[in-house]
Amino acid sequence: MDGYVTAADRREQPGQKADTAGQKKLNLRIGNQEIRIGAGIIVCLFLSHFVPQIQRLAACTAVVMCTQEISQATLKSGLMRLKGVICGGVAGIAVVLLDNVIRVDSVFFVLCGIGIVLNLFLCRRLHMPPVTDRVSAITFCLVVLLAEGNGRIFYAISRFAGTLVGALTALIITALWCTVKKKVKGSSQHETKECSDETE
């Protein structure tokens, strides 16, 4: 009997391999999330080209952070991540303003640690999910750590604006994608219903 089971298992293996190969083929498809990220980065690059105050790196990073898989809660989650971007950006600008007055490197390092802790604490108090905490922390680091010198405040505001533009771009593209997807799905269902009525 053991030999029979083993033979059966061996007969099932080719089918299992075929299923695995099919899954691998499906995984090679470009998903809607990848398309939306690419579209968002293209939009941000064009915007930063025509509006130089928008920093490209911050905007494109925000697109990658804030674009997610389509689900029923996608837009709500996108708005939550936008709030995280705002919290991180405001906290980062506050740290830059304080450092512009104090101008001591060791104090700046401590301010960065305190700022990120308070930023994450604020996100928790606003009942943001853990992913939004990370988005907010990355925004904080983008605003605080990417430039030095006399123009830090300008650069901090520029990075915050770029991050905000990227997050809004991701949210708008996702909203448009959901709208188009619903219309296409609704029209296809309507056509299927009409075909079934004609058949009857």
Protein backbone atom coordinates (compact mmCIF):
# COMPACT_ATOMS: atom_id res chain seq x y z
CA MET A 1 0.00 0.00 0.00
CA ASP A 2 2.89 2.32 0.74
CA GLY A 3 4.22 1.68 -2.75
CA TYR A 4 0.79 2.52 -4.23
CA VAL A 5 0.66 5.83 -2.37
CA THR A 6 4.15 6.68 -3.50
CA ALA A 7 3.24 5.94 -7.11
CA ALA A 8 0.13 8.10 -6.80
CA ASP A 9 2.20 10.89 -5.39
CA ARG A 10 4.60 10.54 -8.28
CA ARG A 11 1.71 10.71 -10.75
CA GLU A 12 0.55 13.96 -9.13
CA GLN A 13 3.91 15.62 -9.32
CA PRO A 14 3.76 16.63 -13.02
CA GLY A 15 0.46 18.39 -12.42
CA GLN A 16 1.86 20.12 -9.39
CA LYS A 17 4.84 21.26 -11.42
CA ALA A 18 2.48 22.59 -14.09
CA ASP A 19 0.52 24.53 -11.46
CA THR A 20 3.74 25.96 -10.07
CA ALA A 21 4.86 26.96 -13.55
CA GLY A 22 1.47 28.59 -14.15
CA GLN A 23 1.80 30.57 -10.93
CA LYS A 24 5.27 31.71 -11.96
CA LYS A 25 3.89 32.88 -15.31
CA LEU A 26 1.15 34.83 -13.55
CA ASN A 27 3.72 36.46 -11.29
CA LEU A 28 5.58 37.76 -14.35
CA ARG A 29 2.62 39.96 -15.29
CA ILE A 30 2.93 43.70 -14.61
CA GLY A 31 0.33 44.58 -11.99
CA ASN A 32 -1.77 47.70 -11.66
CA GLN A 33 0.30 48.87 -8.66
CA GLU A 34 3.50 48.92 -10.73
CA ILE A 35 1.73 50.83 -13.52
CA ARG A 36 0.36 53.40 -11.08
CA ILE A 37 3.78 53.90 -9.46
CA GLY A 38 5.35 54.44 -12.89
CA ALA A 39 2.60 56.86 -13.91
CA GLY A 40 2.94 58.74 -10.62
CA ILE A 41 6.70 59.14 -11.02
CA ILE A 42 6.24 60.41 -14.59
CA VAL A 43 3.70 62.98 -13.38
CA CYS A 44 5.99 64.11 -10.54
CA LEU A 45 8.98 64.47 -12.87
CA PHE A 46 6.96 66.66 -15.23
CA LEU A 47 5.62 68.73 -12.33
CA SER A 48 9.11 69.23 -10.89
CA HIS A 49 10.34 70.22 -14.36
CA PHE A 50 7.75 72.98 -14.70
CA VAL A 51 7.78 73.91 -10.98
CA PRO A 52 11.42 73.74 -9.81
CA GLN A 53 10.40 74.28 -6.17
CA ILE A 54 9.07 70.71 -6.13
CA GLN A 55 11.95 68.40 -5.29
CA ARG A 56 12.04 65.32 -7.51
CA LEU A 57 13.49 62.85 -5.02
CA ALA A 58 10.96 63.68 -2.32
CA ALA A 59 8.02 63.58 -4.74
CA CYS A 60 9.03 60.26 -6.32
CA THR A 61 9.75 58.70 -2.93
CA ALA A 62 6.28 59.73 -1.74
CA VAL A 63 4.69 58.10 -4.81
CA VAL A 64 6.41 54.81 -4.01
CA MET A 65 5.45 55.06 -0.31
CA CYS A 66 1.82 55.99 -0.84
CA THR A 67 0.85 53.79 -3.81
CA GLN A 68 -0.64 50.47 -2.72
CA GLU A 69 -2.73 47.57 -3.97
CA ILE A 70 -6.34 48.26 -4.96
CA SER A 71 -8.84 47.24 -2.28
CA GLN A 72 -12.04 48.53 -0.72
CA ALA A 73 -10.06 50.60 1.80
CA THR A 74 -7.44 51.91 -0.66
CA LEU A 75 -8.58 55.53 -0.80
CA LYS A 76 -9.15 55.70 2.95
CA SER A 77 -5.69 54.27 3.55
CA GLY A 78 -4.24 56.73 1.03
CA LEU A 79 -5.75 59.65 2.92
CA MET A 80 -4.31 58.23 6.13
CA ARG A 81 -0.84 58.08 4.57
CA LEU A 82 -1.27 61.66 3.38
CA LYS A 83 -1.88 62.67 7.01
CA GLY A 84 1.30 60.82 7.94
CA VAL A 85 3.22 62.81 5.31
CA ILE A 86 1.86 66.06 6.74
CA CYS A 87 2.77 65.09 10.32
CA GLY A 88 6.29 64.07 9.35
CA GLY A 89 6.82 67.17 7.23
CA VAL A 90 5.63 69.60 9.90
CA ALA A 91 7.78 67.89 12.56
CA GLY A 92 10.79 67.98 10.23
CA ILE A 93 10.39 71.69 9.48
CA ALA A 94 10.10 72.39 13.23
CA VAL A 95 13.41 70.58 13.87
CA VAL A 96 15.10 72.50 11.02
CA LEU A 97 13.85 75.82 12.43
CA LEU A 98 15.18 74.97 15.90
CA ASP A 99 18.53 73.85 14.51
CA ASN A 100 18.77 77.04 12.46
CA VAL A 101 18.66 78.97 15.74
CA ILE A 102 20.86 76.68 17.88
CA ARG A 103 23.44 75.66 15.23
CA VAL A 104 25.16 72.95 17.30
CA ASP A 105 25.64 69.56 15.64
CA SER A 106 25.31 67.47 18.81
CA VAL A 107 22.09 69.27 19.73
CA PHE A 108 20.80 68.72 16.19
CA PHE A 109 21.38 64.96 16.52
CA VAL A 110 19.38 64.93 19.76
CA LEU A 111 16.64 67.05 18.17
CA CYS A 112 16.34 64.54 15.32
CA GLY A 113 15.83 61.67 17.78
CA ILE A 114 13.33 63.60 19.88
CA GLY A 115 11.52 64.83 16.75
CA ILE A 116 11.07 61.34 15.31
CA VAL A 117 9.86 60.00 18.65
CA LEU A 118 7.29 62.79 19.01
CA ASN A 119 6.27 62.36 15.38
CA LEU A 120 5.60 58.64 15.84
CA PHE A 121 3.81 59.34 19.14
CA LEU A 122 1.54 61.85 17.38
CA CYS A 123 0.75 59.31 14.66
CA ARG A 124 -0.23 56.77 17.33
CA ARG A 125 -2.40 59.33 19.11
CA LEU A 126 -4.18 60.01 15.81
CA HIS A 127 -4.82 56.23 15.50
CA MET A 128 -2.77 55.85 12.33
CA PRO A 129 -1.81 52.29 11.26
CA PRO A 130 1.83 51.14 11.63
CA VAL A 131 2.53 51.56 7.91
CA THR A 132 1.55 55.23 8.14
CA ASP A 133 3.97 55.63 11.04
CA ARG A 134 6.78 54.51 8.75
CA VAL A 135 5.65 56.84 5.96
CA SER A 136 5.63 59.73 8.42
CA ALA A 137 9.09 58.83 9.74
CA ILE A 138 10.54 58.63 6.20
CA THR A 139 9.01 62.04 5.40
CA PHE A 140 10.60 63.44 8.57
CA CYS A 141 14.03 62.13 7.50
CA LEU A 142 13.61 63.47 3.95
CA VAL A 143 12.80 66.94 5.25
CA VAL A 144 15.51 67.07 7.94
CA LEU A 145 18.53 65.22 6.59
CA LEU A 146 18.92 65.91 2.86
CA ALA A 147 20.51 69.37 2.90
CA GLU A 148 22.78 71.57 4.99
CA GLY A 149 23.83 75.19 5.00
CA ASN A 150 22.06 78.54 5.01
CA GLY A 151 19.26 77.44 2.68
CA ARG A 152 18.09 74.56 4.87
CA ILE A 153 14.71 76.08 5.67
CA PHE A 154 13.98 76.67 1.99
CA TYR A 155 15.11 73.14 1.13
CA ALA A 156 13.09 71.68 4.02
CA ILE A 157 9.94 73.41 2.80
CA SER A 158 10.74 72.35 -0.78
CA ARG A 159 11.17 68.72 0.29
CA PHE A 160 7.93 68.84 2.28
CA ALA A 161 6.11 70.32 -0.73
CA GLY A 162 7.61 67.65 -2.99
CA THR A 163 6.60 64.85 -0.63
CA LEU A 164 3.09 66.28 -0.34
CA VAL A 165 2.80 66.55 -4.14
CA GLY A 166 3.95 62.95 -4.53
CA ALA A 167 1.45 61.70 -1.97
CA LEU A 168 -1.39 63.65 -3.60
CA THR A 169 -0.35 62.36 -7.03
CA ALA A 170 -0.45 58.76 -5.81
CA LEU A 171 -3.86 59.34 -4.23
CA ILE A 172 -5.34 61.00 -7.33
CA ILE A 173 -4.02 58.31 -9.69
CA THR A 174 -5.41 55.60 -7.42
CA ALA A 175 -8.80 57.35 -7.28
CA LEU A 176 -8.89 57.68 -11.08
CA TRP A 177 -7.82 54.05 -11.48
CA CYS A 178 -10.63 52.88 -9.16
CA THR A 179 -13.19 55.00 -11.01
CA VAL A 180 -12.17 53.69 -14.44
CA LYS A 181 -12.05 50.13 -13.14
CA LYS A 182 -15.58 50.40 -11.74
CA LYS A 183 -16.91 51.86 -15.00
CA VAL A 184 -15.28 49.14 -17.09
CA LYS A 185 -16.55 46.44 -14.74
CA GLY A 186 -20.04 47.93 -14.74
CA SER A 187 -20.17 48.19 -18.54
CA SER A 188 -18.93 44.60 -18.96
CA GLN A 189 -21.58 43.33 -16.53
CA HIS A 190 -24.23 45.33 -18.39
CA GLU A 191 -23.14 43.84 -21.72
CA THR A 192 -23.18 40.34 -20.23
CA LYS A 193 -26.70 40.91 -18.93
CA GLU A 194 -27.89 42.15 -22.34
CA CYS A 195 -26.37 39.09 -24.06
CA SER A 196 -28.08 36.75 -21.62
CA ASP A 197 -31.42 38.54 -22.16
CA GLU A 198 -31.07 38.23 -25.94
CA THR A 199 -30.26 34.51 -25.58
CA GLU A 200 -33.37 33.96 -23.51
